[in-house]
Amino acid sequence: MNRQSSYFIGIMSGTSTDGVDASLIRVEAAAEPAVQLISTSSIDIPLSLREIILNLNHSGPDELRIAAEVSLELGRLYAKVTQNILLENGLVAEEINALGIHGQTVRHRPEHGYSIQLNAPALVAELTGIDVISDFRSRDIAAGGQGAPLIPAFHHAVFHDKHKARALLNIGGIANLSLLHPHQPTVGFDCGPGNMLLDYWCQKHLGQKFDKDGHWAARGEVNQDLLAFLLANEAWLTAQPPKSTGRDLFNGPWLEEKLDAFFELNPAVHSYRAEDIQATLTAFTVSCIVDCLNHYAMDTQELIVFGGGAANPEIMRQLAEALPYTVQSSDVLGIATQAMESMAFAWLAWAFRERLPICTPEMTGARHASVAGSLHPA
């Protein structure tokens, strides 16, 4: 480990629970530090482990033991992807300043004072020989914040434009926005489900992890009555930012409950095609995003999209049709859509080293700004 090194690695496994992404960055010291993405690497989360992680999003027998064992398995995956990216770039552990690791969220209840990410930072430090920065949410939650979203500060540091109002949209399991304005503080918040409900419905009916390229949704027809029902019957959607959410709210049981309620109110609807529900859920994801942009970012001039949803042409098409400005993926900024979040956590590790208070009241609703992260030395 070299604390003077300008190299940092960020590791992210998101709410979609499909893989582990890593990014290697270099941060050059300056009045406004320059951030360069050097390399990325990814590994899949084994299907058996993914199923256990998804089950841990709900209470069950012996969940403390299972969570501890899953944390160790994830730690080994985090160490493996770190070793891969070192080998791919001809680097050794001593050349890396720190790893920033978010961990796998299984509970997010900031209103009750906690957010749980499965992680094994001490094990990763032991296996890699690199300092690990983790536990990015708890300090902000202790100050009354949501502990999320964490990456708007990174977006501000790297993508803020002095002349243009720009919004960055992450569509992972949950969709969240960073609003970068030339003359106002940067804000960020979750706006609703991203791929989470889509993936659930696709797994249930097709046995596939996700709707590749949105083809299945594109074959369906949006049920406008169901779409209106979903938008009108979830109180969280009308809550004012700052706000955040996760699988605690938007999950399979939530969707099944809403569908049951809708069909009970509409007895004339005797049956439905599964692809029509998929099309409606896609429109629901897009509508939640568009509603937030129209309500909280009316002067936006450009939307940059990343995360798994950016690879869904049906989502991108609907966003482009619904918004009066340019909608494009983060590829235009030179960052692959799947690399943005892991790159952000590499930067967050750097920000921890610099003791930068990246969690702010504007972003999380906390009483005051705070430094995010905890150190596990190698």
Protein backbone atom coordinates (compact mmCIF):
# COMPACT_ATOMS: atom_id res chain seq x y z
CA MET A 1 0.00 0.00 0.00
CA ASN A 2 1.28 3.44 -0.94
CA ARG A 3 -0.63 6.33 0.59
CA GLN A 4 1.11 8.72 -1.77
CA SER A 5 -0.08 6.81 -4.82
CA SER A 6 -2.57 8.46 -7.16
CA TYR A 7 -4.13 5.08 -8.07
CA PHE A 8 -7.45 4.03 -6.51
CA ILE A 9 -9.74 1.11 -7.25
CA GLY A 10 -13.51 1.22 -6.78
CA ILE A 11 -15.71 -1.87 -6.50
CA MET A 12 -19.48 -1.99 -6.85
CA SER A 13 -22.12 -4.71 -6.75
CA GLY A 14 -25.49 -3.03 -7.14
CA THR A 15 -29.12 -3.80 -6.37
CA SER A 16 -29.45 -5.75 -9.63
CA THR A 17 -27.10 -8.32 -8.01
CA ASP A 18 -25.76 -9.60 -11.31
CA GLY A 19 -22.06 -8.88 -11.08
CA VAL A 20 -19.12 -7.10 -9.46
CA ASP A 21 -17.62 -4.15 -11.33
CA ALA A 22 -14.22 -2.61 -10.63
CA SER A 23 -12.60 0.58 -11.92
CA LEU A 24 -9.00 1.71 -11.66
CA ILE A 25 -8.58 5.49 -11.63
CA ARG A 26 -5.76 7.98 -11.24
CA VAL A 27 -6.39 11.20 -9.35
CA GLU A 28 -3.88 13.91 -10.14
CA ALA A 29 -3.35 16.47 -7.38
CA ALA A 30 -4.32 20.00 -8.40
CA ALA A 31 -6.54 22.87 -7.32
CA GLU A 32 -9.30 20.95 -9.10
CA PRO A 33 -8.02 17.33 -9.08
CA ALA A 34 -8.25 15.57 -12.43
CA VAL A 35 -9.78 12.09 -12.46
CA GLN A 36 -8.72 9.63 -15.15
CA LEU A 37 -10.36 6.26 -15.71
CA ILE A 38 -7.57 3.81 -16.47
CA SER A 39 -9.25 0.42 -16.68
CA THR A 40 -12.32 -1.61 -15.73
CA SER A 41 -12.94 -5.25 -14.92
CA SER A 42 -16.03 -7.29 -14.06
CA ILE A 43 -16.94 -10.74 -12.79
CA ASP A 44 -20.35 -12.36 -12.51
CA ILE A 45 -21.97 -13.13 -9.19
CA PRO A 46 -22.70 -16.89 -9.24
CA LEU A 47 -26.40 -17.61 -9.63
CA SER A 48 -26.49 -19.63 -6.41
CA LEU A 49 -25.00 -16.72 -4.45
CA ARG A 50 -27.30 -14.23 -6.17
CA GLU A 51 -30.34 -16.20 -5.06
CA ILE A 52 -29.14 -16.22 -1.45
CA ILE A 53 -28.48 -12.46 -1.57
CA LEU A 54 -31.95 -11.77 -2.94
CA ASN A 55 -33.47 -13.93 -0.20
CA LEU A 56 -31.58 -11.92 2.41
CA ASN A 57 -33.52 -8.83 1.39
CA HIS A 58 -36.30 -10.32 3.52
CA SER A 59 -36.18 -11.77 7.02
CA GLY A 60 -35.74 -15.53 7.23
CA PRO A 61 -34.39 -18.38 9.35
CA ASP A 62 -30.76 -18.12 10.48
CA GLU A 63 -30.27 -14.95 8.47
CA LEU A 64 -27.40 -13.65 10.65
CA ARG A 65 -25.24 -16.69 9.89
CA ILE A 66 -26.19 -16.62 6.22
CA ALA A 67 -25.44 -12.88 5.96
CA ALA A 68 -22.02 -13.40 7.55
CA GLU A 69 -21.17 -16.22 5.15
CA VAL A 70 -22.41 -14.24 2.13
CA SER A 71 -20.30 -11.26 3.24
CA LEU A 72 -17.21 -13.48 3.19
CA GLU A 73 -18.11 -14.86 -0.25
CA LEU A 74 -18.55 -11.32 -1.55
CA GLY A 75 -15.25 -10.33 0.03
CA ARG A 76 -13.51 -13.08 -1.93
CA LEU A 77 -15.17 -11.86 -5.14
CA TYR A 78 -14.08 -8.29 -4.38
CA ALA A 79 -10.52 -9.50 -3.82
CA LYS A 80 -10.62 -11.53 -7.04
CA VAL A 81 -11.77 -8.62 -9.22
CA THR A 82 -9.08 -6.46 -7.57
CA GLN A 83 -6.40 -9.00 -8.43
CA ASN A 84 -7.76 -9.23 -11.98
CA ILE A 85 -7.52 -5.50 -12.56
CA LEU A 86 -4.00 -5.40 -11.11
CA LEU A 87 -2.87 -8.19 -13.44
CA GLU A 88 -4.57 -6.59 -16.44
CA ASN A 89 -2.67 -3.35 -15.83
CA GLY A 90 0.70 -4.72 -14.71
CA LEU A 91 0.36 -3.27 -11.21
CA VAL A 92 1.01 -4.65 -7.73
CA ALA A 93 -0.82 -3.96 -4.50
CA GLU A 94 1.85 -1.58 -3.21
CA GLU A 95 1.10 0.80 -6.10
CA ILE A 96 -2.56 1.27 -5.08
CA ASN A 97 -3.52 3.86 -2.50
CA ALA A 98 -6.84 2.31 -1.47
CA LEU A 99 -9.88 0.31 -2.51
CA GLY A 100 -13.34 1.88 -2.20
CA ILE A 101 -15.95 -0.87 -1.72
CA HIS A 102 -19.65 -0.17 -1.36
CA GLY A 103 -20.82 -3.69 -0.46
CA GLN A 104 -24.15 -5.35 -1.26
CA THR A 105 -27.20 -3.59 0.16
CA VAL A 106 -29.77 -5.92 1.74
CA ARG A 107 -31.56 -3.39 3.97
CA HIS A 108 -31.92 0.36 3.55
CA ARG A 109 -33.96 1.93 6.35
CA PRO A 110 -32.45 5.33 7.09
CA GLU A 111 -35.70 6.41 8.73
CA HIS A 112 -34.85 3.82 11.40
CA GLY A 113 -31.17 4.81 11.51
CA TYR A 114 -29.51 2.07 9.50
CA SER A 115 -28.52 0.78 6.09
CA ILE A 116 -26.91 -2.67 5.77
CA GLN A 117 -24.34 -3.52 3.11
CA LEU A 118 -22.90 -7.03 3.12
CA ASN A 119 -19.14 -6.71 2.91
CA ALA A 120 -15.94 -8.13 4.38
CA PRO A 121 -13.50 -5.20 4.18
CA ALA A 122 -11.01 -6.70 6.65
CA LEU A 123 -10.89 -9.91 4.60
CA VAL A 124 -10.41 -7.94 1.36
CA ALA A 125 -7.56 -5.96 2.96
CA GLU A 126 -5.99 -9.23 4.09
CA LEU A 127 -6.34 -10.92 0.69
CA THR A 128 -5.19 -7.97 -1.41
CA GLY A 129 -2.70 -6.16 0.81
CA ILE A 130 -4.46 -2.87 0.04
CA ASP A 131 -6.20 -0.47 2.43
CA VAL A 132 -9.99 -0.73 2.12
CA ILE A 133 -12.43 2.14 2.55
CA SER A 134 -16.00 0.97 3.13
CA ASP A 135 -19.11 1.73 5.24
CA PHE A 136 -19.89 4.84 3.21
CA ARG A 137 -23.43 5.39 4.49
CA SER A 138 -23.54 5.17 8.28
CA ARG A 139 -21.90 8.51 9.17
CA ASP A 140 -24.43 10.45 7.10
CA ILE A 141 -27.33 8.46 8.55
CA ALA A 142 -26.04 9.24 12.03
CA ALA A 143 -26.35 12.92 11.08
CA GLY A 144 -29.98 12.43 10.11
CA GLY A 145 -29.38 11.85 6.39
CA GLN A 146 -30.51 9.17 3.99
CA GLY A 147 -26.98 7.85 3.52
CA ALA A 148 -27.79 7.98 -0.18
CA PRO A 149 -27.27 8.67 -2.94
CA LEU A 150 -23.49 8.78 -2.58
CA ILE A 151 -22.29 9.55 -6.09
CA PRO A 152 -23.68 13.06 -6.80
CA ALA A 153 -20.52 14.52 -5.19
CA PHE A 154 -18.43 12.51 -7.64
CA HIS A 155 -20.61 13.66 -10.52
CA HIS A 156 -20.19 17.27 -9.41
CA ALA A 157 -16.41 16.92 -9.17
CA VAL A 158 -16.01 15.30 -12.59
CA PHE A 159 -18.94 16.40 -14.76
CA HIS A 160 -20.13 19.77 -13.47
CA ASP A 161 -20.44 22.26 -16.32
CA LYS A 162 -20.21 25.99 -15.57
CA HIS A 163 -22.53 26.81 -18.46
CA LYS A 164 -24.96 23.92 -18.74
CA ALA A 165 -27.58 22.35 -16.45
CA ARG A 166 -26.84 18.66 -16.70
CA ALA A 167 -28.58 15.67 -15.12
CA LEU A 168 -26.93 12.28 -14.64
CA LEU A 169 -29.26 9.30 -14.34
CA ASN A 170 -28.27 5.93 -12.96
CA ILE A 171 -30.68 3.13 -13.85
CA GLY A 172 -29.64 0.14 -11.80
CA GLY A 173 -32.07 -1.77 -9.65
CA ILE A 174 -33.20 1.65 -8.48
CA ALA A 175 -33.11 4.81 -10.60
CA ASN A 176 -31.43 7.88 -9.13
CA LEU A 177 -30.57 11.35 -10.34
CA SER A 178 -27.72 13.81 -9.85
CA LEU A 179 -28.73 17.34 -10.83
CA LEU A 180 -25.74 19.50 -11.75
CA HIS A 181 -26.59 23.18 -12.13
CA PRO A 182 -24.12 25.95 -13.02
CA HIS A 183 -25.35 28.27 -10.25
CA GLN A 184 -26.95 26.03 -7.61
CA PRO A 185 -25.72 23.31 -5.24
CA THR A 186 -25.67 19.81 -6.70
CA VAL A 187 -28.54 17.64 -5.46
CA GLY A 188 -29.29 13.97 -5.85
CA PHE A 189 -32.04 11.54 -4.96
CA ASP A 190 -33.68 8.26 -5.90
CA CYS A 191 -36.71 8.61 -8.16
CA GLY A 192 -38.14 5.08 -8.13
CA PRO A 193 -37.55 1.56 -9.44
CA GLY A 194 -35.07 1.14 -12.25
CA ASN A 195 -34.59 -2.43 -13.48
CA MET A 196 -35.69 -4.08 -10.26
CA LEU A 197 -39.31 -4.81 -11.11
CA LEU A 198 -38.47 -5.51 -14.75
CA ASP A 199 -35.91 -8.12 -13.72
CA TYR A 200 -38.32 -9.73 -11.26
CA TRP A 201 -41.08 -10.06 -13.86
CA CYS A 202 -38.68 -11.35 -16.51
CA GLN A 203 -37.25 -13.96 -14.15
CA LYS A 204 -40.74 -15.07 -13.13
CA HIS A 205 -42.11 -15.49 -16.66
CA LEU A 206 -39.09 -16.16 -18.87
CA GLY A 207 -36.61 -17.60 -16.39
CA GLN A 208 -34.10 -14.96 -17.47
CA LYS A 209 -32.22 -12.50 -15.25
CA PHE A 210 -33.24 -9.50 -17.35
CA ASP A 211 -35.07 -8.42 -20.48
CA LYS A 212 -32.15 -8.20 -22.91
CA ASP A 213 -32.31 -5.00 -24.95
CA GLY A 214 -35.91 -4.52 -23.79
CA HIS A 215 -37.12 -6.84 -26.57
CA TRP A 216 -39.81 -8.53 -24.47
CA ALA A 217 -41.22 -5.20 -23.27
CA ALA A 218 -41.19 -3.89 -26.84
CA ARG A 219 -43.46 -6.77 -27.89
CA GLY A 220 -46.03 -5.82 -25.26
CA GLU A 221 -48.56 -3.02 -25.03
CA VAL A 222 -48.64 -0.57 -22.15
CA ASN A 223 -51.77 -0.84 -20.03
CA GLN A 224 -52.41 2.84 -19.41
CA ASP A 225 -54.90 2.16 -16.59
CA LEU A 226 -52.41 -0.05 -14.76
CA LEU A 227 -49.65 2.51 -15.29
CA ALA A 228 -51.82 5.26 -13.82
CA PHE A 229 -52.69 2.97 -10.89
CA LEU A 230 -49.04 2.23 -10.09
CA LEU A 231 -48.13 5.92 -10.24
CA ALA A 232 -51.04 6.93 -8.01
CA ASN A 233 -50.80 4.20 -5.39
CA GLU A 234 -47.32 4.47 -3.93
CA ALA A 235 -46.88 7.26 -1.39
CA TRP A 236 -43.08 7.18 -1.64
CA LEU A 237 -43.24 8.52 -5.19
CA THR A 238 -44.78 11.80 -4.02
CA ALA A 239 -42.34 12.31 -1.11
CA GLN A 240 -40.08 15.33 -1.46
CA PRO A 241 -36.32 14.86 -1.97
CA PRO A 242 -33.89 14.13 -0.49
CA LYS A 243 -35.12 10.55 -0.55
CA SER A 244 -33.81 7.07 -1.21
CA THR A 245 -35.25 3.60 -1.51
CA GLY A 246 -34.38 -0.01 -2.39
CA ARG A 247 -35.62 -3.58 -2.29
CA ASP A 248 -37.19 -2.89 1.11
CA LEU A 249 -39.97 -1.17 -0.85
CA PHE A 250 -39.86 -2.03 -4.55
CA ASN A 251 -39.73 -5.81 -4.82
CA GLY A 252 -41.67 -8.82 -6.09
CA PRO A 253 -44.27 -8.84 -3.28
CA TRP A 254 -44.85 -5.10 -3.80
CA LEU A 255 -45.59 -5.70 -7.47
CA GLU A 256 -47.81 -8.72 -6.87
CA GLU A 257 -49.79 -6.78 -4.26
CA LYS A 258 -50.31 -3.87 -6.67
CA LEU A 259 -51.37 -6.19 -9.49
CA ASP A 260 -53.85 -7.97 -7.22
CA ALA A 261 -55.31 -4.65 -6.10
CA PHE A 262 -55.59 -3.37 -9.66
CA PHE A 263 -57.37 -6.45 -11.00
CA GLU A 264 -59.69 -6.51 -7.99
CA LEU A 265 -60.72 -2.94 -8.82
CA ASN A 266 -61.07 -3.86 -12.50
CA PRO A 267 -62.95 -7.18 -12.54
CA ALA A 268 -63.72 -6.81 -16.25
CA VAL A 269 -60.03 -7.43 -16.93
CA HIS A 270 -60.01 -11.23 -16.78
CA SER A 271 -56.52 -11.88 -18.05
CA TYR A 272 -53.35 -10.20 -19.23
CA ARG A 273 -50.31 -10.99 -21.32
CA ALA A 274 -47.08 -11.08 -19.31
CA GLU A 275 -45.32 -8.97 -21.95
CA ASP A 276 -47.96 -6.26 -21.51
CA ILE A 277 -47.10 -6.08 -17.81
CA GLN A 278 -43.41 -5.86 -18.75
CA ALA A 279 -44.17 -3.03 -21.17
CA THR A 280 -46.17 -1.27 -18.44
CA LEU A 281 -43.38 -1.70 -15.87
CA THR A 282 -40.91 -0.23 -18.36
CA ALA A 283 -43.21 2.76 -18.81
CA PHE A 284 -43.53 2.98 -15.02
CA THR A 285 -39.75 3.20 -14.59
CA VAL A 286 -39.53 5.89 -17.28
CA SER A 287 -42.52 7.84 -15.93
CA CYS A 288 -41.01 8.02 -12.42
CA ILE A 289 -37.79 9.42 -13.89
CA VAL A 290 -39.50 11.91 -16.19
CA ASP A 291 -41.81 13.13 -13.42
CA CYS A 292 -38.80 13.90 -11.21
CA LEU A 293 -36.95 15.70 -13.99
CA ASN A 294 -40.00 17.77 -14.89
CA HIS A 295 -40.70 18.64 -11.27
CA TYR A 296 -37.22 19.24 -9.86
CA ALA A 297 -35.00 19.96 -12.88
CA MET A 298 -37.05 21.90 -15.40
CA ASP A 299 -34.02 23.76 -16.74
CA THR A 300 -32.03 20.60 -17.53
CA GLN A 301 -30.32 20.81 -20.92
CA GLU A 302 -28.78 17.35 -21.13
CA LEU A 303 -29.43 13.93 -19.60
CA ILE A 304 -26.58 11.44 -19.29
CA VAL A 305 -27.67 7.86 -18.55
CA PHE A 306 -25.60 5.02 -17.13
CA GLY A 307 -26.13 1.70 -15.37
CA GLY A 308 -27.85 -1.37 -16.79
CA GLY A 309 -30.87 0.63 -17.96
CA ALA A 310 -28.70 2.60 -20.37
CA ALA A 311 -28.22 -0.65 -22.32
CA ASN A 312 -32.00 -1.06 -22.68
CA PRO A 313 -32.99 0.57 -26.00
CA GLU A 314 -36.67 0.60 -25.02
CA ILE A 315 -35.99 2.65 -21.88
CA MET A 316 -33.67 5.00 -23.77
CA ARG A 317 -36.22 5.42 -26.56
CA GLN A 318 -39.00 6.31 -24.14
CA LEU A 319 -36.80 8.77 -22.26
CA ALA A 320 -35.80 10.48 -25.51
CA GLU A 321 -39.42 10.75 -26.61
CA ALA A 322 -40.59 12.13 -23.26
CA LEU A 323 -37.89 14.78 -22.73
CA PRO A 324 -37.25 17.94 -24.77
CA TYR A 325 -33.44 17.75 -24.57
CA THR A 326 -30.58 15.42 -25.46
CA VAL A 327 -30.64 11.98 -23.85
CA GLN A 328 -27.47 9.91 -24.28
CA SER A 329 -25.43 7.31 -22.46
CA SER A 330 -22.30 8.05 -20.42
CA ASP A 331 -20.26 6.64 -23.30
CA VAL A 332 -20.30 10.19 -24.71
CA LEU A 333 -18.28 11.24 -21.65
CA GLY A 334 -15.78 8.46 -22.23
CA ILE A 335 -17.13 6.25 -19.44
CA ALA A 336 -18.81 2.91 -20.12
CA THR A 337 -22.31 2.72 -18.69
CA GLN A 338 -21.38 -0.12 -16.32
CA ALA A 339 -18.22 1.63 -15.07
CA MET A 340 -19.69 4.83 -13.62
CA GLU A 341 -20.57 3.54 -10.14
CA SER A 342 -17.35 1.61 -9.52
CA MET A 343 -15.41 4.63 -10.74
CA ALA A 344 -17.38 6.74 -8.26
CA PHE A 345 -16.35 4.50 -5.35
CA ALA A 346 -12.70 4.73 -6.37
CA TRP A 347 -13.13 8.52 -6.20
CA LEU A 348 -14.95 8.22 -2.86
CA ALA A 349 -11.92 6.36 -1.49
CA TRP A 350 -9.77 9.29 -2.61
CA ALA A 351 -12.24 11.74 -1.03
CA PHE A 352 -12.01 9.81 2.25
CA ARG A 353 -8.22 10.11 2.19
CA GLU A 354 -8.62 13.86 1.64
CA ARG A 355 -11.29 14.08 4.40
CA LEU A 356 -13.71 15.74 2.01
CA PRO A 357 -17.27 16.05 3.39
CA ILE A 358 -19.02 14.62 0.34
CA CYS A 359 -22.35 13.84 2.04
CA THR A 360 -24.19 17.17 2.19
CA PRO A 361 -27.65 18.28 3.34
CA GLU A 362 -28.60 19.07 -0.28
CA MET A 363 -27.83 15.49 -1.33
CA THR A 364 -28.93 13.40 1.65
CA GLY A 365 -30.99 15.64 3.93
CA ALA A 366 -28.49 15.34 6.79
CA ARG A 367 -28.13 18.06 9.43
CA HIS A 368 -24.58 18.78 8.27
CA ALA A 369 -21.97 17.60 5.79
CA SER A 370 -19.78 14.62 6.72
CA VAL A 371 -16.89 12.50 5.48
CA ALA A 372 -18.09 9.15 4.14
CA GLY A 373 -16.28 5.90 4.87
CA SER A 374 -14.30 3.84 7.36
CA LEU A 375 -10.76 2.54 6.99
CA HIS A 376 -9.60 -1.08 7.18
CA PRO A 377 -5.80 -0.95 6.86
CA ALA A 378 -3.95 -3.65 4.94
